[in-house]
Amino acid sequence: MADLSLELYAVQLISLMSLSISAAYALSRPLARLISPPSGSRLLSIVDAVPRRVIGRAYVEEMSWRRYLASLLALNGVVLALDALLLALQPALGGPRLSPDLIFNIASSFVTNTDLQHYAGSMLTTYSQALVITYTMFVAPASGLAASFAFIRGFTRRTDSLGNFYADFTRSIITVLLPLSFISALLLILMGVPQTLQTQVIVGALQGGHHIIRLGPVASLESIKLLGNNGGGYYSANSASPLENPSGISNFYESFLMLLLPLSIPLAFGRIAGTKRGASILGAMLAGMGVLLGMALLGGAVIGVEPRLGAFGTLLFNTVSMATNTGATASSLLAMSPLAVSSFLMAMFVQAVPGAIGVGFMYMMIFVVITLFILGLMVGKTPEIMGMKISPRDVKISAAAFLVHPLAILIPLVLAFAAGQAQHLLGTPGPLQFTEVLYEFTSAAANNGSDYLGVAANSPFWNYLTGIVMLVGRFVPLALMMALAGSFAGKDRRRMPEPVETQGLLFAVLLLGMTFLLTILTFFPFLILGPFSI
């Protein structure tokens, strides 16, 4: 029986990866066309017609990296303020009043693609779930997708412009996220996920009495939650809830949705910059995720795994979720072994195996630049990528993008313990308590959203601090990535053999090894103090 179970698990894993890579390859073609639009595209003319009239010239003008970044920050700032206003007005729609710190946390959480939930699902009305949560779940991934388009253009164009943010953002939503999420929602409804404006249903209990089951537009939220690597659930139990994830089939499909777009971006890059180059980056990403999945399966689950999903299905879902920085969970984190939790933390430390939609690819390219710089020092040659020399400024920007993440985690971690807030919330510090606080800020900085604390962290200190960490973890690295793309956009390109080839199996192995080495050197002491000591 054990051998049969292993065979079934292997079939499930191979089927998931085969389906995900095949679908990602098919999707990479239209994504490449959005990055380098063909002239006279009828579809894009139809998509652009209304926004071009509304926005005017600003919709068609080419943007430098500074203007592109400013437009991205401005739009997300407006959405942040609008979300906060709608949440503040929730009592007018018959919902509970939310504190200012919780409003700030929720608005920051969803606009940064984090979806950290310090609130119970019942604290938001059906209208808030649709007008604030689901709506922002389109804005956040579309911003990341648009940024990745601009980033790729910086490495592949011969001009110093990166495209137009408003056009990229609009096209990402209308041609990619909306149709895919609509189809996904229909499939989820067929699998048993509810989709209704009815707020609740009363059912009889087996031992008499009745239960009230909360309903709403769950399937539409779930589809974009997973497709856009958002992660915030309609219910507090997230994807462990049978109404969000009814069966093993839905568990498999939802895992596929989380992988689809993150795997498509490097393949789209490969269609423009060279198939082998894109395949090498994708190979490094998949190998890294394989290492994390192996850690999680080796550690296994402890308690509290949903019987309808099983230990393997739960571990697979959770690992895919953390590797793609989605943050949805099919079980409580307390049900995961310390080694499994360590693999989740490693995924959030790296953020690029494969990482979230768009942003994961850009993080991997940061590691590419750092790897080429280090290898260049080893072989005594000036590092180059795609015929362009990597300057000291490029290395400094890449190093800064890498270092922002540990600083955004460790500074608030120290503050939480120094201010006594961690002890006040969790009691006497120990390995588990340290892990819970480390995980909280790692999840916030990585824009992941999974956490141990949940509604227990609904207090001004935790709401404001994690809100700031989420904003820093999202927009500071994006600013540095746009600066790096702008640096490469205007460079001369020469047709000469690269000192270190950025394609092939050897490069993929070197890239993955350097990525994990840098991450382990940065974070290993904290893993020792946390999950390794539980």
Protein backbone atom coordinates (compact mmCIF):
# COMPACT_ATOMS: atom_id res chain seq x y z
CA MET A 1 0.00 0.00 0.00
CA ALA A 2 2.86 2.38 0.80
CA ASP A 3 4.44 1.76 -2.61
CA LEU A 4 1.08 2.38 -4.28
CA SER A 5 0.70 5.67 -2.38
CA LEU A 6 4.18 6.76 -3.47
CA GLU A 7 3.29 5.98 -7.09
CA LEU A 8 0.09 8.00 -6.83
CA TYR A 9 1.97 10.92 -5.29
CA ALA A 10 4.58 10.77 -8.05
CA VAL A 11 1.85 10.72 -10.71
CA GLN A 12 0.14 13.71 -9.07
CA LEU A 13 3.37 15.71 -8.89
CA ILE A 14 4.46 14.87 -12.44
CA SER A 15 0.97 15.67 -13.76
CA LEU A 16 0.93 19.01 -11.97
CA MET A 17 4.34 20.09 -13.25
CA SER A 18 3.72 18.82 -16.79
CA LEU A 19 0.38 20.60 -17.01
CA SER A 20 1.76 23.81 -15.47
CA ILE A 21 4.82 23.99 -17.74
CA SER A 22 2.78 23.16 -20.87
CA ALA A 23 0.15 25.80 -20.09
CA ALA A 24 2.87 28.31 -19.18
CA TYR A 25 4.60 27.69 -22.50
CA ALA A 26 1.35 28.31 -24.37
CA LEU A 27 0.65 31.46 -22.35
CA SER A 28 4.19 32.80 -22.88
CA ARG A 29 3.42 33.58 -26.53
CA PRO A 30 0.66 36.17 -25.87
CA LEU A 31 2.70 37.54 -22.96
CA ALA A 32 5.68 38.05 -25.28
CA ARG A 33 3.37 39.92 -27.65
CA LEU A 34 2.35 42.22 -24.80
CA ILE A 35 6.01 42.88 -24.03
CA SER A 36 6.86 43.52 -27.70
CA PRO A 37 3.49 44.38 -29.28
CA PRO A 38 3.23 43.71 -33.02
CA SER A 39 2.32 46.75 -35.08
CA GLY A 40 -1.30 46.99 -36.11
CA SER A 41 -2.61 44.53 -33.50
CA ARG A 42 -6.40 44.61 -33.74
CA LEU A 43 -6.90 43.14 -30.27
CA LEU A 44 -4.71 45.75 -28.59
CA SER A 45 -6.42 48.52 -30.57
CA ILE A 46 -9.76 47.41 -29.14
CA VAL A 47 -8.35 47.09 -25.60
CA ASP A 48 -6.67 50.51 -25.80
CA ALA A 49 -9.60 52.41 -27.32
CA VAL A 50 -11.38 53.55 -24.15
CA PRO A 51 -8.36 54.17 -21.85
CA ARG A 52 -6.62 56.08 -24.65
CA ARG A 53 -9.60 58.45 -24.87
CA VAL A 54 -9.80 58.85 -21.09
CA ILE A 55 -6.10 59.24 -20.31
CA GLY A 56 -5.10 60.83 -23.60
CA ARG A 57 -1.51 61.29 -24.66
CA ALA A 58 -0.15 59.87 -21.38
CA TYR A 59 -1.45 56.44 -22.43
CA VAL A 60 0.70 56.18 -25.55
CA GLU A 61 3.90 58.04 -24.63
CA GLU A 62 7.05 56.03 -24.06
CA MET A 63 8.33 56.32 -20.47
CA SER A 64 11.77 56.37 -18.93
CA TRP A 65 12.24 54.11 -15.90
CA ARG A 66 11.70 57.05 -13.55
CA ARG A 67 8.40 58.03 -15.15
CA TYR A 68 7.29 54.41 -15.38
CA LEU A 69 8.00 53.92 -11.68
CA ALA A 70 6.29 57.20 -10.76
CA SER A 71 3.16 56.15 -12.67
CA LEU A 72 3.14 52.74 -10.96
CA LEU A 73 3.52 54.30 -7.51
CA ALA A 74 0.87 56.94 -8.23
CA LEU A 75 -1.75 54.41 -9.34
CA ASN A 76 -1.07 52.11 -6.40
CA GLY A 77 -1.18 55.09 -4.05
CA VAL A 78 -4.61 56.05 -5.34
CA VAL A 79 -5.86 52.47 -4.93
CA LEU A 80 -4.43 52.34 -1.40
CA ALA A 81 -6.29 55.52 -0.44
CA LEU A 82 -9.50 54.35 -2.13
CA ASP A 83 -9.41 50.99 -0.35
CA ALA A 84 -8.87 52.70 3.00
CA LEU A 85 -11.82 55.04 2.32
CA LEU A 86 -14.17 52.20 1.35
CA LEU A 87 -13.20 50.21 4.44
CA ALA A 88 -13.78 53.26 6.63
CA LEU A 89 -17.26 53.65 5.09
CA GLN A 90 -18.16 50.01 5.69
CA PRO A 91 -20.53 50.79 8.63
CA ALA A 92 -22.71 52.73 6.17
CA LEU A 93 -23.22 49.42 4.32
CA GLY A 94 -24.25 47.56 7.46
CA GLY A 95 -20.85 46.17 8.34
CA PRO A 96 -18.77 46.43 11.52
CA ARG A 97 -16.55 49.44 12.16
CA LEU A 98 -12.84 48.82 11.64
CA SER A 99 -10.08 50.55 13.58
CA PRO A 100 -7.78 52.95 11.66
CA ASP A 101 -4.75 50.70 12.20
CA LEU A 102 -6.62 47.67 10.81
CA ILE A 103 -7.85 49.70 7.84
CA PHE A 104 -4.25 50.75 7.10
CA ASN A 105 -3.08 47.15 7.41
CA ILE A 106 -5.78 45.71 5.13
CA ALA A 107 -5.31 48.39 2.46
CA SER A 108 -1.52 48.03 2.54
CA SER A 109 -1.78 44.25 2.55
CA PHE A 110 -3.88 43.91 -0.57
CA VAL A 111 -2.36 46.69 -2.67
CA THR A 112 1.08 45.12 -2.16
CA ASN A 113 -0.09 41.66 -3.29
CA THR A 114 0.53 40.39 0.28
CA ASP A 115 -2.99 39.70 1.58
CA LEU A 116 -1.85 39.27 5.18
CA GLN A 117 -5.06 38.90 7.19
CA HIS A 118 -5.22 40.31 10.70
CA TYR A 119 -9.00 40.24 10.40
CA ALA A 120 -11.60 37.48 10.45
CA GLY A 121 -13.52 37.06 7.21
CA SER A 122 -16.77 37.97 8.95
CA MET A 123 -15.38 41.46 9.73
CA LEU A 124 -15.87 42.43 6.07
CA THR A 125 -19.21 42.66 4.32
CA THR A 126 -19.92 41.00 1.00
CA TYR A 127 -19.58 44.41 -0.65
CA SER A 128 -16.18 45.01 0.95
CA GLN A 129 -15.03 41.59 -0.21
CA ALA A 130 -16.02 42.49 -3.78
CA LEU A 131 -15.27 46.25 -3.97
CA VAL A 132 -12.05 46.26 -1.95
CA ILE A 133 -10.56 42.79 -1.72
CA THR A 134 -11.39 41.19 -5.09
CA TYR A 135 -10.89 44.44 -7.02
CA THR A 136 -7.46 45.06 -5.48
CA MET A 137 -6.50 41.45 -6.21
CA PHE A 138 -6.50 42.48 -9.87
CA VAL A 139 -4.61 45.74 -9.35
CA ALA A 140 -1.68 44.26 -7.39
CA PRO A 141 -0.71 41.41 -9.75
CA ALA A 142 -1.33 43.59 -12.82
CA SER A 143 1.16 46.11 -11.38
CA GLY A 144 3.75 43.36 -10.89
CA LEU A 145 3.10 41.96 -14.36
CA ALA A 146 3.42 45.39 -15.97
CA ALA A 147 6.67 46.03 -14.06
CA SER A 148 8.10 42.75 -15.36
CA PHE A 149 7.23 43.79 -18.93
CA ALA A 150 9.17 47.03 -18.47
CA PHE A 151 12.03 45.15 -16.81
CA ILE A 152 12.35 42.71 -19.74
CA ARG A 153 12.31 45.60 -22.22
CA GLY A 154 15.24 47.14 -20.37
CA PHE A 155 17.31 44.05 -21.16
CA THR A 156 16.08 43.51 -24.71
CA ARG A 157 15.44 46.94 -26.24
CA ARG A 158 18.01 49.24 -27.80
CA THR A 159 16.31 52.41 -26.54
CA ASP A 160 16.25 53.99 -23.09
CA SER A 161 12.43 53.78 -22.76
CA LEU A 162 10.60 50.97 -20.98
CA GLY A 163 7.16 51.29 -22.51
CA ASN A 164 4.03 52.84 -21.00
CA PHE A 165 2.83 51.75 -17.57
CA TYR A 166 -0.83 52.61 -18.12
CA ALA A 167 -0.96 50.58 -21.33
CA ASP A 168 0.86 47.62 -19.77
CA PHE A 169 -1.38 47.72 -16.69
CA THR A 170 -4.61 47.90 -18.68
CA ARG A 171 -3.58 45.20 -21.13
CA SER A 172 -2.48 42.90 -18.29
CA ILE A 173 -5.89 43.07 -16.67
CA ILE A 174 -8.08 42.92 -19.77
CA THR A 175 -6.18 40.38 -21.88
CA VAL A 176 -4.64 38.16 -19.17
CA LEU A 177 -6.10 38.37 -15.67
CA LEU A 178 -9.80 38.93 -16.42
CA PRO A 179 -10.33 36.14 -18.99
CA LEU A 180 -8.20 33.62 -17.09
CA SER A 181 -9.83 34.40 -13.74
CA PHE A 182 -13.32 34.24 -15.30
CA ILE A 183 -12.66 30.77 -16.73
CA SER A 184 -11.05 29.69 -13.46
CA ALA A 185 -14.03 30.89 -11.44
CA LEU A 186 -16.40 28.85 -13.61
CA LEU A 187 -14.26 25.74 -13.12
CA LEU A 188 -14.11 26.32 -9.37
CA ILE A 189 -17.90 26.62 -9.25
CA LEU A 190 -18.14 23.23 -10.98
CA MET A 191 -15.80 21.84 -8.32
CA GLY A 192 -18.09 23.03 -5.54
CA VAL A 193 -16.86 26.52 -4.62
CA PRO A 194 -19.88 28.82 -3.97
CA GLN A 195 -20.53 31.98 -5.97
CA THR A 196 -23.52 34.02 -4.82
CA LEU A 197 -24.52 37.38 -3.40
CA GLN A 198 -26.46 35.55 -0.69
CA THR A 199 -24.67 36.26 2.58
CA GLN A 200 -25.52 33.07 4.46
CA VAL A 201 -27.47 29.83 4.50
CA ILE A 202 -28.93 28.00 7.51
CA VAL A 203 -28.55 24.22 7.58
CA GLY A 204 -29.66 21.63 10.10
CA ALA A 205 -27.13 19.97 12.40
CA LEU A 206 -26.88 16.20 12.87
CA GLN A 207 -27.57 16.48 16.58
CA GLY A 208 -30.37 18.99 16.27
CA GLY A 209 -30.31 22.74 16.04
CA HIS A 210 -28.80 24.50 13.05
CA HIS A 211 -25.60 25.99 11.65
CA ILE A 212 -25.17 29.29 9.83
CA ILE A 213 -22.81 28.97 6.84
CA ARG A 214 -21.41 32.22 5.50
CA LEU A 215 -21.59 32.55 1.72
CA GLY A 216 -20.73 35.15 -0.91
CA PRO A 217 -18.79 35.58 -4.18
CA VAL A 218 -16.19 33.02 -3.13
CA ALA A 219 -15.28 31.48 -6.51
CA SER A 220 -14.52 34.82 -8.16
CA LEU A 221 -12.29 35.80 -5.25
CA GLU A 222 -10.58 32.40 -5.19
CA SER A 223 -9.76 32.43 -8.89
CA ILE A 224 -7.89 35.75 -8.85
CA LYS A 225 -6.50 35.01 -5.37
CA LEU A 226 -4.61 32.03 -6.79
CA LEU A 227 -4.03 33.12 -10.38
CA GLY A 228 -2.64 36.49 -9.26
CA ASN A 229 -0.59 34.99 -6.39
CA ASN A 230 -2.59 37.05 -3.91
CA GLY A 231 -3.43 34.50 -1.21
CA GLY A 232 -6.05 36.18 0.96
CA GLY A 233 -8.98 33.85 1.62
CA TYR A 234 -12.70 34.57 1.86
CA TYR A 235 -12.74 32.53 5.07
CA SER A 236 -10.33 32.70 7.97
CA ALA A 237 -9.28 29.08 7.33
CA ASN A 238 -8.18 30.12 3.82
CA SER A 239 -7.77 27.14 1.46
CA ALA A 240 -8.18 24.69 4.33
CA SER A 241 -11.88 25.62 4.22
CA PRO A 242 -13.97 23.12 2.23
CA LEU A 243 -15.85 26.05 0.70
CA GLU A 244 -12.61 27.42 -0.80
CA ASN A 245 -10.95 24.09 -1.56
CA PRO A 246 -13.57 21.32 -1.59
CA SER A 247 -11.58 18.27 -2.75
CA GLY A 248 -8.35 16.79 -3.99
CA ILE A 249 -9.30 17.83 -7.54
CA SER A 250 -9.74 21.48 -6.54
CA ASN A 251 -6.51 21.25 -4.54
CA PHE A 252 -4.67 20.10 -7.68
CA TYR A 253 -6.29 22.77 -9.86
CA GLU A 254 -5.62 25.57 -7.39
CA SER A 255 -1.95 24.53 -7.22
CA PHE A 256 -1.86 24.73 -11.02
CA LEU A 257 -3.34 28.23 -10.96
CA MET A 258 -0.64 29.47 -8.60
CA LEU A 259 2.13 28.19 -10.89
CA LEU A 260 0.72 29.32 -14.23
CA LEU A 261 1.82 32.95 -14.50
CA PRO A 262 5.11 32.78 -12.54
CA LEU A 263 6.31 30.04 -14.91
CA SER A 264 5.08 31.93 -17.99
CA ILE A 265 7.21 35.05 -17.49
CA PRO A 266 10.69 33.47 -17.92
CA LEU A 267 9.39 31.60 -20.97
CA ALA A 268 8.07 34.88 -22.42
CA PHE A 269 11.49 36.40 -21.73
CA GLY A 270 13.03 33.44 -23.56
CA ARG A 271 10.88 34.08 -26.63
CA ILE A 272 12.40 37.57 -26.84
CA ALA A 273 15.94 37.09 -25.51
CA GLY A 274 16.58 33.50 -26.57
CA THR A 275 14.81 30.25 -25.79
CA LYS A 276 17.78 28.65 -24.03
CA ARG A 277 18.25 31.70 -21.81
CA GLY A 278 14.61 31.64 -20.68
CA ALA A 279 14.70 27.87 -20.22
CA SER A 280 17.82 28.13 -18.04
CA ILE A 281 16.18 30.64 -15.72
CA LEU A 282 13.01 28.56 -15.57
CA GLY A 283 15.08 25.44 -14.88
CA ALA A 284 16.80 27.13 -11.94
CA MET A 285 13.42 28.21 -10.58
CA LEU A 286 11.90 24.74 -10.86
CA ALA A 287 14.95 23.05 -9.37
CA GLY A 288 14.83 25.45 -6.43
CA MET A 289 11.15 24.71 -5.88
CA GLY A 290 11.97 21.00 -6.07
CA VAL A 291 14.50 21.40 -3.25
CA LEU A 292 11.91 23.20 -1.12
CA LEU A 293 9.26 20.56 -1.83
CA GLY A 294 11.73 17.82 -0.90
CA MET A 295 12.39 19.55 2.43
CA ALA A 296 8.67 19.90 3.13
CA LEU A 297 7.90 16.26 2.26
CA LEU A 298 10.87 15.02 4.26
CA GLY A 299 9.67 16.93 7.32
CA GLY A 300 6.04 16.04 6.70
CA ALA A 301 2.98 17.18 8.60
CA VAL A 302 2.46 16.93 12.35
CA ILE A 303 -1.24 17.30 13.09
CA GLY A 304 -4.33 19.04 11.78
CA VAL A 305 -4.13 18.08 8.09
CA GLU A 306 -7.48 18.05 6.27
CA PRO A 307 -8.50 14.39 5.61
CA ARG A 308 -10.05 15.30 2.26
CA LEU A 309 -6.67 16.60 1.04
CA GLY A 310 -4.25 14.27 2.81
CA ALA A 311 -0.75 15.03 4.02
CA PHE A 312 0.85 14.94 0.56
CA GLY A 313 -1.81 17.15 -1.04
CA THR A 314 -1.57 19.63 1.81
CA LEU A 315 2.24 19.78 1.72
CA LEU A 316 2.22 20.12 -2.06
CA PHE A 317 -0.33 22.95 -1.98
CA ASN A 318 1.47 24.80 0.81
CA THR A 319 4.89 24.45 -0.83
CA VAL A 320 3.62 25.68 -4.20
CA SER A 321 1.87 28.55 -2.42
CA MET A 322 5.01 29.64 -0.55
CA ALA A 323 7.28 29.12 -3.57
CA THR A 324 5.04 31.40 -5.66
CA ASN A 325 4.64 33.86 -2.75
CA THR A 326 0.87 33.36 -2.89
CA GLY A 327 0.57 32.70 0.84
CA ALA A 328 -2.65 30.67 0.70
CA THR A 329 -2.59 27.71 3.06
CA ALA A 330 -4.39 24.35 2.98
CA SER A 331 -3.75 23.81 6.69
CA SER A 332 -2.65 25.67 9.77
CA LEU A 333 1.10 26.30 9.86
CA LEU A 334 1.08 24.62 13.27
CA ALA A 335 0.27 21.40 11.42
CA MET A 336 3.56 21.63 9.52
CA SER A 337 6.82 20.13 10.78
CA PRO A 338 9.77 22.44 11.63
CA LEU A 339 11.57 21.31 8.45
CA ALA A 340 8.51 22.10 6.34
CA VAL A 341 8.26 25.54 7.95
CA SER A 342 11.96 26.04 7.22
CA SER A 343 11.32 25.31 3.55
CA PHE A 344 8.48 27.87 3.54
CA LEU A 345 10.79 30.47 5.09
CA MET A 346 13.50 29.69 2.53
CA ALA A 347 10.98 30.22 -0.26
CA MET A 348 10.11 33.63 1.16
CA PHE A 349 13.77 34.52 1.71
CA VAL A 350 14.60 33.76 -1.94
CA GLN A 351 11.35 35.03 -3.56
CA ALA A 352 12.42 33.67 -6.95
CA VAL A 353 11.74 29.91 -7.08
CA PRO A 354 9.62 30.85 -8.96
CA GLY A 355 8.29 33.76 -6.88
CA ALA A 356 5.17 35.83 -7.46
CA ILE A 357 3.80 36.93 -10.81
CA GLY A 358 6.38 39.17 -12.49
CA VAL A 359 8.29 40.03 -9.33
CA GLY A 360 9.73 36.53 -8.91
CA PHE A 361 11.33 36.70 -12.36
CA MET A 362 12.80 40.13 -11.62
CA TYR A 363 14.28 38.85 -8.36
CA MET A 364 15.86 35.96 -10.24
CA MET A 365 17.39 38.42 -12.69
CA ILE A 366 18.85 40.27 -9.70
CA PHE A 367 20.49 36.99 -8.71
CA VAL A 368 21.67 36.58 -12.33
CA VAL A 369 23.50 39.93 -12.20
CA ILE A 370 25.07 39.14 -8.80
CA THR A 371 26.06 35.65 -9.98
CA LEU A 372 27.69 37.00 -13.15
CA PHE A 373 29.57 39.62 -11.13
CA ILE A 374 30.95 37.01 -8.72
CA LEU A 375 31.83 34.61 -11.55
CA GLY A 376 33.48 37.48 -13.41
CA LEU A 377 35.70 38.12 -10.41
CA MET A 378 36.59 34.43 -10.29
CA VAL A 379 37.61 34.21 -13.96
CA GLY A 380 39.14 37.69 -14.10
CA LYS A 381 36.85 39.10 -16.79
CA THR A 382 34.39 41.98 -16.91
CA PRO A 383 30.92 40.50 -16.33
CA GLU A 384 28.50 40.75 -19.21
CA ILE A 385 24.91 39.78 -19.90
CA MET A 386 23.39 39.52 -23.37
CA GLY A 387 26.26 41.51 -24.89
CA MET A 388 26.05 44.32 -22.29
CA LYS A 389 28.71 45.05 -19.70
CA ILE A 390 27.59 44.93 -16.08
CA SER A 391 28.77 48.16 -14.47
CA PRO A 392 29.58 48.81 -10.80
CA ARG A 393 26.31 50.76 -10.61
CA ASP A 394 24.37 47.71 -11.80
CA VAL A 395 25.99 45.56 -9.12
CA LYS A 396 25.23 48.15 -6.42
CA ILE A 397 21.58 48.35 -7.45
CA SER A 398 21.30 44.54 -7.48
CA ALA A 399 22.99 44.24 -4.09
CA ALA A 400 20.66 46.90 -2.66
CA ALA A 401 17.61 45.05 -4.02
CA PHE A 402 18.87 41.88 -2.35
CA LEU A 403 19.66 43.56 0.99
CA VAL A 404 16.36 45.43 1.35
CA HIS A 405 14.61 42.15 2.10
CA PRO A 406 16.65 41.01 5.14
CA LEU A 407 16.61 44.55 6.54
CA ALA A 408 12.83 44.74 6.19
CA ILE A 409 12.59 41.48 8.16
CA LEU A 410 15.25 41.81 10.85
CA ILE A 411 14.74 45.42 11.93
CA PRO A 412 11.03 44.97 12.83
CA LEU A 413 11.86 41.54 14.32
CA VAL A 414 14.23 43.22 16.78
CA LEU A 415 11.72 46.01 17.44
CA ALA A 416 8.96 43.52 18.28
CA PHE A 417 11.07 41.84 20.96
CA ALA A 418 12.76 45.03 22.20
CA ALA A 419 9.38 46.73 22.67
CA GLY A 420 8.00 43.67 24.48
CA GLN A 421 5.19 43.28 21.94
CA ALA A 422 6.21 39.77 20.96
CA GLN A 423 6.33 38.68 24.61
CA HIS A 424 3.00 40.38 25.31
CA LEU A 425 1.35 38.50 22.45
CA LEU A 426 3.05 35.11 22.69
CA GLY A 427 4.40 34.83 26.23
CA THR A 428 7.88 33.73 27.24
CA PRO A 429 10.16 33.71 24.17
CA GLY A 430 11.27 30.32 22.86
CA PRO A 431 12.07 28.73 19.50
CA LEU A 432 8.37 28.49 18.50
CA GLN A 433 7.62 32.06 19.55
CA PHE A 434 10.71 33.33 17.72
CA THR A 435 9.66 31.38 14.63
CA GLU A 436 6.17 32.87 14.71
CA VAL A 437 7.49 36.44 14.85
CA LEU A 438 10.21 35.76 12.25
CA TYR A 439 7.58 34.21 9.98
CA GLU A 440 5.24 37.19 10.46
CA PHE A 441 7.76 39.76 9.24
CA THR A 442 9.24 37.47 6.58
CA SER A 443 5.78 36.95 5.15
CA ALA A 444 5.07 40.68 5.24
CA ALA A 445 8.39 41.68 3.65
CA ALA A 446 8.09 38.99 0.96
CA ASN A 447 4.49 40.05 0.22
CA ASN A 448 3.45 36.47 0.93
CA GLY A 449 0.68 36.82 3.51
CA SER A 450 0.69 33.47 5.31
CA ASP A 451 1.22 33.71 9.05
CA TYR A 452 0.84 32.10 12.44
CA LEU A 453 -0.68 35.05 14.28
CA GLY A 454 -3.82 35.87 12.27
CA VAL A 455 -6.42 37.89 14.17
CA ALA A 456 -4.29 37.67 17.34
CA ALA A 457 -2.05 40.33 15.74
CA ASN A 458 -4.94 42.75 15.29
CA SER A 459 -3.48 45.55 17.41
CA PRO A 460 -2.01 48.97 16.53
CA PHE A 461 1.62 47.84 16.93
CA TRP A 462 1.35 44.79 14.67
CA ASN A 463 -1.03 46.39 12.16
CA TYR A 464 1.04 49.52 11.62
CA LEU A 465 4.44 47.80 11.67
CA THR A 466 3.52 44.97 9.30
CA GLY A 467 1.72 47.49 7.07
CA ILE A 468 4.92 49.52 6.74
CA VAL A 469 6.99 46.38 6.16
CA MET A 470 4.63 45.28 3.38
CA LEU A 471 4.88 48.65 1.61
CA VAL A 472 8.67 48.71 1.93
CA GLY A 473 9.00 45.07 0.85
CA ARG A 474 6.93 45.73 -2.26
CA PHE A 475 7.84 49.14 -3.60
CA VAL A 476 11.49 49.68 -2.62
CA PRO A 477 12.67 46.55 -4.51
CA LEU A 478 10.39 47.49 -7.43
CA ALA A 479 12.03 50.93 -7.56
CA LEU A 480 15.49 49.36 -7.60
CA MET A 481 14.45 46.85 -10.28
CA MET A 482 13.15 49.66 -12.48
CA ALA A 483 16.43 51.52 -11.95
CA LEU A 484 18.36 48.42 -13.01
CA ALA A 485 16.21 48.02 -16.12
CA GLY A 486 16.74 51.69 -16.93
CA SER A 487 20.50 51.24 -16.54
CA PHE A 488 20.57 48.43 -19.09
CA ALA A 489 18.06 50.03 -21.47
CA GLY A 490 20.48 52.51 -22.98
CA LYS A 491 23.59 50.32 -23.11
CA ASP A 492 25.53 49.32 -26.19
CA ARG A 493 25.13 45.71 -27.18
CA ARG A 494 27.86 43.81 -28.97
CA ARG A 495 27.66 40.49 -30.75
CA MET A 496 30.48 38.71 -28.95
CA PRO A 497 30.63 35.46 -26.96
CA GLU A 498 29.75 36.03 -23.32
CA PRO A 499 32.59 35.52 -20.80
CA VAL A 500 30.11 33.40 -18.83
CA GLU A 501 27.25 32.03 -20.91
CA THR A 502 23.86 32.92 -19.47
CA GLN A 503 22.19 29.83 -20.82
CA GLY A 504 22.51 26.09 -20.54
CA LEU A 505 22.53 23.56 -17.73
CA LEU A 506 25.81 24.73 -16.18
CA PHE A 507 24.57 28.30 -15.82
CA ALA A 508 21.26 27.13 -14.32
CA VAL A 509 23.17 25.10 -11.71
CA LEU A 510 25.53 27.99 -10.91
CA LEU A 511 22.62 30.43 -10.67
CA LEU A 512 20.64 28.21 -8.32
CA GLY A 513 23.69 27.45 -6.20
CA MET A 514 24.60 31.12 -5.83
CA THR A 515 20.98 32.03 -5.05
CA PHE A 516 20.73 29.53 -2.22
CA LEU A 517 24.26 30.28 -0.98
CA LEU A 518 23.59 34.01 -0.62
CA THR A 519 20.24 33.34 1.04
CA ILE A 520 21.62 30.78 3.51
CA LEU A 521 24.56 33.02 4.46
CA THR A 522 22.12 35.84 5.19
CA PHE A 523 19.39 33.98 7.07
CA PHE A 524 20.82 30.72 8.42
CA PRO A 525 21.43 32.04 11.99
CA PHE A 526 17.76 32.93 12.26
CA LEU A 527 16.66 29.50 11.07
CA ILE A 528 18.89 28.03 13.80
CA LEU A 529 17.24 30.21 16.45
CA GLY A 530 13.77 29.44 15.09
CA PRO A 531 12.42 26.30 13.39
CA PHE A 532 15.65 24.30 13.62
CA SER A 533 15.45 24.53 17.43
CA ILE A 534 11.80 23.51 17.81
